[in-house]
Amino acid sequence: MADSRRSRRPDGDGLHPVERAVASILREVVPSGGGVAVALSGGRDSIAVLDALAPLARALRPFAFHVHHGLSAHADAWTSFCRDACAARDVAFAVRHVHVHAQRHGVEAAARTARYDALVALAREHGVPCVLLAHHADDQAETMLLQLARGAGPHGLAAMPRVAERHGVRWLRPFLLLSRATIDDYVKARRLAYVEDDSNANVGFRRNALRAHVVPALRTIAPGYPATLVRAAQHQAASALLLDELAAIDADSAFDGCSLDVRRLGSLTVARSANVLRWFLRKQRLRPPPVARLEAMLVQLRAARPDARIDFTHDGARVGLHRGRLFVHGAAPEAFHAPWNGTPDVRLPHGTLVFTSTEGRGIARRCLAQASVTIRSGERGERLLPAGRTARRAVADLLREAGVPQWERNGLPRVYCDGALAAVARAGTDARFAAGPDEPGVTLDWHPAGID
């Protein structure tokens, strides 16, 4: 554990670069009286953040958040170590256990996703708006090299930002301009204890392989490493910002905050329309597709007619065209069936159906009182007799006329009285079940769950 001495350098403020980096980002970003936490793995770098944070952040209610992945036989011991390290520094400690599901992107990516999800949950639970991460200049350089090996563009080559906001949490990386050697100097001077993650020696992981085989060779021909690559990442970040600003100018009124008029893509050069499409997908929190996939999407979208039906699967979401506008939406819900016992709202897997009391509109209360009422998903070929009409209409046609996108139609809840279709959210009520003038009734208000 740390001793009571502070490590000093003969700089202007007397602080070690590690202490100065933490103090600087707290002063710049963390609001007075706000909360801050360090993402604490117990490794050398996060212990350095914790040690530098503790004496600086008393007024900021410092926390340490630890994620127990369960991937190592030492995971329990690491949790105990982190708890003790925080107790010694009078820093509040919180832990969250996660189960890592190795999906198509491998254990590394799955563990990273689980870790960030857990940190977001801990930050919300404890009301902490800012979380300190221990990534340093060597990490930044390695991230840029890994992105380069993927063939990434400026946004990927920009690697990690010093300050970013996602899911309502501000992520702060105070060490991003500090080398691993500088952090080592601080840890040795402070005689800090830390844990070693045994997986760091596994060259089966791409980052470890890069660190073991590529970085040593790179240092021999680029003595300025990692600072030179950190500087290159900063240049790429500036380029990425300019591309986003150009996309916002090109999209202009075609983007309404949630959808994009694809006619704008056809009015731009191919390069600029590709830039707008990437920008739109990032705005919807989706990763841009590979170049070949993006080009295929653009070919269809740039030539699409206003009534075209185009739907892509991308990054776990659906990207679809409706009335000439591009939307990101979830997959169609599974079939559902729920009884109604008179409650004002019914929670369904993909949203909430609200029964709003009215007079002279909607489903007559008497019909609901006299029948067994159920709420179900749609079926093909359903028809409804709208009030004032003499012929039944296909529900799909009524929903299309109401402007409901094709991918939402079957998921809109239907209300059945004794098995007969009485009403469909956003399509209307069947005349046989409609409330008469001044008669008590209910209308259906559908509140879909958000995609994110």
Protein backbone atom coordinates (compact mmCIF):
# COMPACT_ATOMS: atom_id res chain seq x y z
CA MET A 1 0.00 0.00 0.00
CA ALA A 2 1.01 3.65 -0.39
CA ASP A 3 3.02 5.45 2.25
CA SER A 4 2.26 8.98 3.44
CA ARG A 5 4.93 10.76 1.40
CA ARG A 6 4.02 12.65 -1.75
CA SER A 7 6.14 12.32 -4.87
CA ARG A 8 7.45 15.69 -5.97
CA ARG A 9 9.16 17.05 -9.05
CA PRO A 10 10.94 20.42 -9.16
CA ASP A 11 8.28 21.80 -11.52
CA GLY A 12 6.58 25.16 -11.08
CA ASP A 13 3.74 23.82 -8.97
CA GLY A 14 5.79 21.11 -7.25
CA LEU A 15 3.49 18.35 -8.49
CA HIS A 16 4.44 15.16 -10.24
CA PRO A 17 3.05 15.05 -13.82
CA VAL A 18 0.63 12.34 -12.71
CA GLU A 19 -0.77 14.54 -9.94
CA ARG A 20 -0.85 17.55 -12.23
CA ALA A 21 -2.76 15.64 -14.92
CA VAL A 22 -5.46 14.54 -12.48
CA ALA A 23 -5.71 17.97 -10.85
CA SER A 24 -5.94 19.65 -14.26
CA ILE A 25 -8.81 17.54 -15.57
CA LEU A 26 -10.73 17.88 -12.31
CA ARG A 27 -10.36 21.65 -12.47
CA GLU A 28 -11.38 21.82 -16.14
CA VAL A 29 -14.25 19.36 -16.29
CA VAL A 30 -15.66 18.32 -12.91
CA PRO A 31 -18.18 20.86 -11.56
CA SER A 32 -17.67 22.26 -8.09
CA GLY A 33 -19.43 20.02 -5.63
CA GLY A 34 -20.01 17.35 -8.27
CA GLY A 35 -19.15 13.70 -7.91
CA VAL A 36 -16.23 11.87 -9.48
CA ALA A 37 -15.14 8.25 -9.54
CA VAL A 38 -12.14 6.31 -10.77
CA ALA A 39 -12.63 3.08 -12.70
CA LEU A 40 -10.41 0.92 -10.49
CA SER A 41 -9.15 -2.43 -11.76
CA GLY A 42 -6.35 -2.60 -9.20
CA GLY A 43 -3.69 -2.46 -11.91
CA ARG A 44 -0.79 -0.04 -11.85
CA ASP A 45 -2.41 2.70 -13.94
CA SER A 46 -5.77 2.86 -12.15
CA ILE A 47 -4.04 2.71 -8.76
CA ALA A 48 -2.00 5.75 -9.83
CA VAL A 49 -5.25 7.60 -10.71
CA LEU A 50 -6.76 6.64 -7.34
CA ASP A 51 -3.67 7.73 -5.41
CA ALA A 52 -3.47 11.09 -7.19
CA LEU A 53 -7.23 11.66 -6.91
CA ALA A 54 -7.68 10.95 -3.19
CA PRO A 55 -6.05 14.10 -1.73
CA LEU A 56 -7.44 16.37 -4.46
CA ALA A 57 -11.13 15.51 -4.49
CA ARG A 58 -12.47 15.63 -0.95
CA ALA A 59 -15.12 18.18 -1.94
CA LEU A 60 -16.10 16.04 -4.94
CA ARG A 61 -17.23 12.94 -3.00
CA PRO A 62 -14.68 10.61 -4.66
CA PHE A 63 -15.70 7.04 -5.46
CA ALA A 64 -13.91 4.05 -6.90
CA PHE A 65 -15.89 1.67 -9.13
CA HIS A 66 -14.62 -1.86 -9.57
CA VAL A 67 -15.95 -4.35 -12.11
CA HIS A 68 -15.64 -8.04 -11.22
CA HIS A 69 -15.52 -9.87 -14.57
CA GLY A 70 -15.04 -13.34 -13.15
CA LEU A 71 -12.62 -14.17 -15.99
CA SER A 72 -9.61 -14.79 -13.72
CA ALA A 73 -9.11 -17.09 -10.75
CA HIS A 74 -7.74 -14.00 -8.96
CA ALA A 75 -10.86 -11.86 -9.49
CA ASP A 76 -12.03 -12.12 -5.86
CA ALA A 77 -8.57 -11.23 -4.57
CA TRP A 78 -8.44 -8.20 -6.88
CA THR A 79 -11.77 -6.99 -5.53
CA SER A 80 -10.51 -7.30 -1.95
CA PHE A 81 -7.30 -5.48 -2.86
CA CYS A 82 -9.23 -2.59 -4.42
CA ARG A 83 -11.54 -2.35 -1.42
CA ASP A 84 -8.56 -2.13 0.94
CA ALA A 85 -6.78 0.42 -1.27
CA CYS A 86 -9.84 2.67 -1.14
CA ALA A 87 -10.30 2.26 2.61
CA ALA A 88 -6.69 3.35 3.14
CA ARG A 89 -7.39 6.55 1.20
CA ASP A 90 -10.88 7.22 2.57
CA VAL A 91 -12.44 6.79 -0.89
CA ALA A 92 -15.90 5.21 -1.18
CA PHE A 93 -15.82 1.85 -2.96
CA ALA A 94 -18.48 0.10 -5.07
CA VAL A 95 -18.25 -3.15 -7.01
CA ARG A 96 -20.41 -4.71 -9.70
CA HIS A 97 -20.26 -8.33 -10.86
CA VAL A 98 -20.75 -9.01 -14.58
CA HIS A 99 -20.89 -12.10 -16.76
CA VAL A 100 -18.97 -11.78 -20.00
CA HIS A 101 -20.62 -13.31 -23.05
CA ALA A 102 -17.96 -13.79 -25.72
CA GLN A 103 -19.76 -12.96 -28.93
CA ARG A 104 -18.52 -12.67 -32.50
CA HIS A 105 -16.06 -9.89 -31.58
CA GLY A 106 -14.28 -12.05 -28.98
CA VAL A 107 -13.62 -11.98 -25.24
CA GLU A 108 -11.76 -8.64 -25.30
CA ALA A 109 -14.65 -6.75 -26.90
CA ALA A 110 -17.28 -8.53 -24.80
CA ALA A 111 -15.40 -7.76 -21.57
CA ARG A 112 -14.98 -4.12 -22.59
CA THR A 113 -18.70 -3.77 -23.32
CA ALA A 114 -19.65 -5.43 -20.03
CA ARG A 115 -17.20 -3.21 -18.15
CA TYR A 116 -18.55 0.05 -19.56
CA ASP A 117 -22.15 -1.04 -19.02
CA ALA A 118 -21.30 -1.81 -15.39
CA LEU A 119 -19.54 1.54 -14.91
CA VAL A 120 -22.55 3.38 -16.35
CA ALA A 121 -24.85 1.50 -13.97
CA LEU A 122 -22.63 2.29 -10.98
CA ALA A 123 -22.39 5.97 -11.95
CA ARG A 124 -26.18 6.25 -12.17
CA GLU A 125 -26.71 4.32 -8.95
CA HIS A 126 -24.40 6.62 -6.98
CA GLY A 127 -25.21 9.87 -8.78
CA VAL A 128 -21.66 10.30 -10.10
CA PRO A 129 -21.48 12.30 -13.36
CA CYS A 130 -17.76 11.87 -14.11
CA VAL A 131 -15.60 8.73 -14.27
CA LEU A 132 -11.81 8.80 -14.54
CA LEU A 133 -10.18 6.20 -16.80
CA ALA A 134 -6.49 5.33 -16.63
CA HIS A 135 -5.64 5.09 -20.34
CA HIS A 136 -2.25 6.65 -21.08
CA ALA A 137 -0.19 7.64 -24.12
CA ASP A 138 1.04 4.09 -24.81
CA ASP A 139 -2.57 2.86 -24.75
CA GLN A 140 -3.52 5.66 -27.15
CA ALA A 141 -0.72 4.76 -29.55
CA GLU A 142 -1.66 1.07 -29.44
CA THR A 143 -5.31 1.90 -30.06
CA MET A 144 -4.37 3.95 -33.11
CA LEU A 145 -2.23 1.09 -34.47
CA LEU A 146 -5.05 -1.41 -33.95
CA GLN A 147 -7.47 0.92 -35.73
CA LEU A 148 -4.98 1.37 -38.55
CA ALA A 149 -4.75 -2.42 -38.93
CA ARG A 150 -8.56 -2.47 -39.28
CA GLY A 151 -8.41 0.07 -42.10
CA ALA A 152 -10.23 2.69 -40.00
CA GLY A 153 -10.82 6.25 -41.16
CA PRO A 154 -10.21 9.49 -39.23
CA HIS A 155 -12.81 8.77 -36.52
CA GLY A 156 -11.19 5.42 -35.71
CA LEU A 157 -7.63 6.73 -35.99
CA ALA A 158 -8.49 9.53 -33.57
CA ALA A 159 -8.46 6.70 -30.97
CA MET A 160 -9.62 7.78 -27.51
CA PRO A 161 -10.75 11.31 -26.57
CA ARG A 162 -9.46 12.95 -23.42
CA VAL A 163 -13.04 13.93 -22.48
CA ALA A 164 -16.16 12.28 -23.85
CA GLU A 165 -19.81 11.96 -22.86
CA ARG A 166 -21.89 8.85 -23.42
CA HIS A 167 -24.98 7.42 -21.72
CA GLY A 168 -25.12 10.46 -19.46
CA VAL A 169 -21.61 9.90 -18.07
CA ARG A 170 -18.53 12.04 -18.74
CA TRP A 171 -15.47 9.86 -19.32
CA LEU A 172 -12.19 11.56 -18.38
CA ARG A 173 -8.73 10.32 -19.33
CA PRO A 174 -6.21 12.48 -17.47
CA PHE A 175 -3.17 10.36 -18.46
CA LEU A 176 -3.70 10.41 -22.22
CA LEU A 177 -0.60 12.55 -22.80
CA LEU A 178 1.53 10.74 -20.20
CA SER A 179 3.72 7.78 -21.10
CA ARG A 180 3.70 4.46 -19.28
CA ALA A 181 7.23 5.32 -18.09
CA THR A 182 5.98 8.50 -16.39
CA ILE A 183 3.31 6.55 -14.55
CA ASP A 184 5.87 3.91 -13.58
CA ASP A 185 8.04 6.67 -12.11
CA TYR A 186 5.13 7.88 -9.96
CA VAL A 187 4.22 4.37 -8.81
CA LYS A 188 7.81 3.62 -7.82
CA ALA A 189 8.29 6.95 -6.07
CA ARG A 190 5.09 6.44 -4.08
CA ARG A 191 5.85 2.74 -3.48
CA LEU A 192 2.34 1.86 -4.59
CA ALA A 193 1.14 -1.72 -4.47
CA TYR A 194 -0.95 -2.93 -7.41
CA VAL A 195 -2.13 -6.17 -9.00
CA GLU A 196 -0.91 -7.75 -12.20
CA ASP A 197 -3.57 -9.08 -14.58
CA ASP A 198 -2.31 -12.44 -15.79
CA SER A 199 -4.16 -11.98 -19.10
CA ASN A 200 -1.76 -9.17 -20.05
CA ALA A 201 0.81 -11.82 -20.99
CA ASN A 202 -1.58 -13.65 -23.32
CA VAL A 203 -0.46 -12.76 -26.85
CA GLY A 204 -3.61 -14.41 -28.15
CA PHE A 205 -5.21 -11.03 -27.51
CA ARG A 206 -4.48 -8.56 -30.31
CA ARG A 207 -3.41 -5.68 -28.09
CA ASN A 208 -0.99 -7.88 -26.13
CA ALA A 209 0.44 -9.27 -29.37
CA LEU A 210 0.93 -5.75 -30.69
CA ARG A 211 2.61 -4.70 -27.44
CA ALA A 212 4.91 -7.72 -27.45
CA HIS A 213 5.90 -7.94 -31.11
CA VAL A 214 5.25 -4.64 -32.90
CA VAL A 215 5.85 -1.86 -30.38
CA PRO A 216 9.47 -2.85 -29.52
CA ALA A 217 10.37 -2.80 -33.22
CA LEU A 218 8.54 0.49 -33.72
CA ARG A 219 10.47 2.13 -30.90
CA THR A 220 13.74 1.37 -32.70
CA ILE A 221 12.72 3.37 -35.77
CA ALA A 222 10.55 6.00 -34.05
CA PRO A 223 12.36 7.14 -30.89
CA GLY A 224 9.55 9.60 -30.18
CA TYR A 225 7.06 6.78 -29.64
CA PRO A 226 4.39 6.97 -28.19
CA ALA A 227 4.21 10.78 -28.31
CA THR A 228 4.43 10.89 -32.11
CA LEU A 229 1.41 8.58 -32.50
CA VAL A 230 -0.53 10.48 -29.86
CA ARG A 231 0.10 13.61 -31.90
CA ALA A 232 -1.04 11.82 -35.06
CA ALA A 233 -4.23 10.76 -33.27
CA GLN A 234 -4.87 14.41 -32.37
CA HIS A 235 -4.53 15.35 -36.05
CA GLN A 236 -7.03 12.63 -36.96
CA ALA A 237 -9.43 13.87 -34.29
CA ALA A 238 -9.28 17.34 -35.85
CA SER A 239 -9.95 15.86 -39.30
CA ALA A 240 -12.87 13.83 -37.94
CA LEU A 241 -14.37 16.97 -36.42
CA LEU A 242 -14.12 18.77 -39.77
CA LEU A 243 -15.81 15.84 -41.54
CA ASP A 244 -18.65 15.96 -39.02
CA GLU A 245 -19.04 19.71 -39.49
CA LEU A 246 -19.15 19.22 -43.28
CA ALA A 247 -21.76 16.46 -42.88
CA ALA A 248 -23.93 18.73 -40.71
CA ILE A 249 -23.72 21.44 -43.41
CA ASP A 250 -24.52 18.95 -46.19
CA ALA A 251 -27.41 17.36 -44.28
CA ASP A 252 -28.84 20.72 -43.12
CA SER A 253 -32.67 20.60 -43.04
CA ALA A 254 -32.72 17.04 -44.42
CA PHE A 255 -31.90 15.80 -40.89
CA ASP A 256 -34.58 16.37 -38.26
CA GLY A 257 -32.75 14.86 -35.32
CA CYS A 258 -34.00 11.31 -35.82
CA SER A 259 -34.39 10.71 -39.57
CA LEU A 260 -32.74 11.76 -42.83
CA ASP A 261 -34.34 12.73 -46.15
CA VAL A 262 -32.44 10.48 -48.58
CA ARG A 263 -32.98 12.86 -51.47
CA ARG A 264 -30.11 14.84 -49.98
CA LEU A 265 -27.77 11.88 -50.50
CA GLY A 266 -28.57 11.87 -54.22
CA SER A 267 -27.81 15.59 -54.51
CA LEU A 268 -24.24 15.27 -53.20
CA THR A 269 -21.09 13.74 -54.61
CA VAL A 270 -20.59 10.10 -53.69
CA ALA A 271 -17.82 10.98 -51.22
CA ARG A 272 -19.90 13.62 -49.46
CA SER A 273 -23.04 11.47 -49.38
CA ALA A 274 -20.96 8.64 -47.81
CA ASN A 275 -19.74 11.11 -45.22
CA VAL A 276 -23.33 12.17 -44.43
CA LEU A 277 -24.49 8.56 -44.11
CA ARG A 278 -21.64 7.71 -41.72
CA TRP A 279 -22.44 10.84 -39.71
CA PHE A 280 -26.14 9.96 -39.57
CA LEU A 281 -25.40 6.44 -38.29
CA ARG A 282 -23.06 7.82 -35.61
CA LYS A 283 -25.80 10.25 -34.57
CA GLN A 284 -27.99 7.19 -34.00
CA ARG A 285 -25.18 5.60 -31.92
CA LEU A 286 -24.35 3.02 -34.55
CA ARG A 287 -20.90 2.20 -35.85
CA PRO A 288 -20.31 3.01 -39.52
CA PRO A 289 -20.39 -0.11 -41.71
CA PRO A 290 -17.38 -1.43 -43.66
CA VAL A 291 -16.63 0.40 -46.91
CA ALA A 292 -18.15 -2.25 -49.20
CA ARG A 293 -21.32 -2.40 -47.12
CA LEU A 294 -21.59 1.40 -47.01
CA GLU A 295 -21.17 1.62 -50.77
CA ALA A 296 -23.93 -0.96 -51.31
CA MET A 297 -26.26 0.97 -49.02
CA LEU A 298 -25.52 4.22 -50.84
CA VAL A 299 -26.24 2.72 -54.27
CA GLN A 300 -29.76 1.82 -53.14
CA LEU A 301 -30.44 4.97 -51.11
CA ARG A 302 -29.20 7.48 -53.69
CA ALA A 303 -31.49 5.96 -56.32
CA ALA A 304 -34.47 5.30 -54.03
CA ARG A 305 -37.91 6.58 -55.01
CA PRO A 306 -40.07 8.23 -52.31
CA ASP A 307 -42.26 5.10 -52.02
CA ALA A 308 -39.33 2.64 -51.96
CA ARG A 309 -39.14 0.07 -49.16
CA ILE A 310 -35.54 -0.50 -48.13
CA ASP A 311 -34.47 -2.09 -44.87
CA PHE A 312 -30.94 -2.96 -43.67
CA THR A 313 -29.70 -4.83 -40.62
CA HIS A 314 -26.71 -3.04 -39.14
CA ASP A 315 -24.89 -3.08 -35.77
CA GLY A 316 -27.76 -4.76 -33.94
CA ALA A 317 -30.40 -2.37 -35.27
CA ARG A 318 -32.52 -1.94 -38.39
CA VAL A 319 -32.09 0.97 -40.80
CA GLY A 320 -35.20 1.49 -42.90
CA LEU A 321 -36.69 3.86 -45.45
CA HIS A 322 -40.21 5.26 -44.95
CA ARG A 323 -41.73 7.93 -47.19
CA GLY A 324 -38.29 8.93 -48.40
CA ARG A 325 -36.76 9.26 -44.93
CA LEU A 326 -34.16 7.02 -43.34
CA PHE A 327 -34.86 5.81 -39.78
CA VAL A 328 -33.04 3.61 -37.28
CA HIS A 329 -35.45 1.26 -35.58
CA GLY A 330 -35.53 -1.92 -33.52
CA ALA A 331 -36.40 -5.35 -34.83
CA ALA A 332 -40.09 -6.22 -35.06
CA PRO A 333 -41.33 -7.48 -31.67
CA GLU A 334 -42.17 -11.10 -31.04
CA ALA A 335 -45.88 -11.98 -31.00
CA PHE A 336 -47.49 -10.91 -27.72
CA HIS A 337 -50.77 -11.58 -25.92
CA ALA A 338 -52.00 -9.95 -22.70
CA PRO A 339 -55.35 -9.84 -20.88
CA TRP A 340 -56.87 -6.48 -19.89
CA ASN A 341 -58.52 -6.16 -16.50
CA GLY A 342 -59.48 -2.51 -16.59
CA THR A 343 -56.14 -0.92 -15.68
CA PRO A 344 -55.35 2.48 -17.26
CA ASP A 345 -52.20 1.12 -18.91
CA VAL A 346 -50.73 -2.19 -19.98
CA ARG A 347 -46.98 -2.79 -20.24
CA LEU A 348 -45.98 -4.84 -23.26
CA PRO A 349 -42.51 -6.10 -24.25
CA HIS A 350 -41.93 -3.15 -26.58
CA GLY A 351 -43.89 -0.30 -24.95
CA THR A 352 -46.95 0.76 -22.97
CA LEU A 353 -50.56 0.92 -24.16
CA VAL A 354 -52.55 3.60 -22.32
CA PHE A 355 -56.35 3.53 -22.11
CA THR A 356 -57.49 7.18 -21.94
CA SER A 357 -61.06 7.94 -20.83
CA THR A 358 -63.12 9.96 -23.32
CA GLU A 359 -66.70 10.71 -24.31
CA GLY A 360 -68.09 10.02 -27.77
CA ARG A 361 -64.78 8.60 -29.04
CA GLY A 362 -62.85 5.36 -29.01
CA ILE A 363 -64.11 2.02 -27.72
CA ALA A 364 -67.39 2.17 -25.85
CA ARG A 365 -66.98 1.38 -22.15
CA ARG A 366 -70.04 -0.87 -22.28
CA CYS A 367 -68.35 -3.08 -24.88
CA LEU A 368 -65.30 -3.49 -22.72
CA ALA A 369 -67.41 -4.21 -19.62
CA GLN A 370 -69.41 -6.95 -21.34
CA ALA A 371 -66.54 -8.87 -22.95
CA SER A 372 -63.33 -10.73 -22.29
CA VAL A 373 -60.75 -8.19 -23.44
CA THR A 374 -57.29 -9.11 -24.72
CA ILE A 375 -54.41 -7.20 -26.28
CA ARG A 376 -52.45 -8.90 -29.04
CA SER A 377 -50.01 -8.30 -31.85
CA GLY A 378 -51.23 -8.06 -35.43
CA GLU A 379 -52.03 -10.82 -37.87
CA ARG A 380 -51.97 -10.77 -41.66
CA GLY A 381 -55.24 -9.95 -43.39
CA GLU A 382 -56.94 -8.20 -40.47
CA ARG A 383 -59.71 -5.76 -41.42
CA LEU A 384 -61.51 -2.95 -39.59
CA LEU A 385 -64.74 -1.04 -40.26
CA PRO A 386 -63.92 2.62 -39.57
CA ALA A 387 -66.70 4.78 -38.16
CA GLY A 388 -68.74 6.41 -40.94
CA ARG A 389 -67.59 3.87 -43.56
CA THR A 390 -69.68 1.16 -45.22
CA ALA A 391 -66.80 -1.15 -46.18
CA ARG A 392 -64.17 -2.84 -44.07
CA ARG A 393 -60.58 -1.80 -44.67
CA ALA A 394 -57.32 -3.70 -44.32
CA VAL A 395 -55.59 -2.65 -41.11
CA ALA A 396 -52.29 -2.47 -43.00
CA ASP A 397 -53.80 0.11 -45.39
CA LEU A 398 -55.21 2.20 -42.52
CA LEU A 399 -51.82 2.24 -40.79
CA ARG A 400 -50.01 3.14 -44.00
CA GLU A 401 -52.41 6.07 -44.52
CA ALA A 402 -51.77 7.12 -40.92
CA GLY A 403 -48.06 7.35 -41.72
CA VAL A 404 -46.97 4.34 -39.66
CA PRO A 405 -43.74 2.79 -41.00
CA GLN A 406 -44.05 -0.75 -42.29
CA TRP A 407 -41.76 -2.17 -39.58
CA GLU A 408 -44.02 -0.82 -36.79
CA ARG A 409 -47.38 -2.01 -38.09
CA ASN A 410 -47.63 -5.58 -36.78
CA GLY A 411 -46.28 -4.45 -33.41
CA LEU A 412 -49.03 -1.88 -32.83
CA PRO A 413 -51.34 -3.34 -30.13
CA ARG A 414 -54.81 -4.56 -31.10
CA VAL A 415 -57.71 -4.76 -28.63
CA TYR A 416 -60.07 -7.71 -29.02
CA CYS A 417 -63.49 -8.14 -27.35
CA ASP A 418 -64.44 -11.81 -27.12
CA GLY A 419 -61.97 -12.51 -29.92
CA ALA A 420 -63.32 -9.83 -32.29
CA LEU A 421 -61.03 -6.99 -33.36
CA ALA A 422 -62.34 -3.82 -31.68
CA ALA A 423 -59.55 -1.29 -32.17
CA VAL A 424 -55.97 -0.85 -33.33
CA ALA A 425 -53.65 1.79 -31.89
CA ARG A 426 -53.16 4.60 -34.46
CA ALA A 427 -55.65 3.02 -36.90
CA GLY A 428 -58.92 3.59 -35.05
CA THR A 429 -61.93 1.76 -33.62
CA ASP A 430 -64.23 -0.65 -35.42
CA ALA A 431 -67.72 0.87 -35.86
CA ARG A 432 -69.32 -2.09 -34.07
CA PHE A 433 -67.48 -1.18 -30.84
CA ALA A 434 -67.32 2.60 -31.17
CA ALA A 435 -68.70 4.89 -28.46
CA GLY A 436 -71.78 6.83 -29.48
CA PRO A 437 -72.24 10.60 -29.04
CA ASP A 438 -71.67 11.57 -25.38
CA GLU A 439 -71.14 7.89 -24.48
CA PRO A 440 -68.21 7.00 -22.19
CA GLY A 441 -65.34 5.44 -24.11
CA VAL A 442 -61.59 4.94 -24.15
CA THR A 443 -58.97 5.77 -26.77
CA LEU A 444 -55.72 3.88 -27.23
CA ASP A 445 -52.44 5.80 -26.79
CA TRP A 446 -49.34 3.83 -27.72
CA HIS A 447 -45.96 4.73 -26.16
CA PRO A 448 -43.22 2.58 -27.74
CA ALA A 449 -40.08 1.82 -25.79
CA GLY A 450 -36.94 3.58 -27.00
CA ILE A 451 -34.40 1.73 -29.15
CA ASP A 452 -31.56 2.50 -26.72
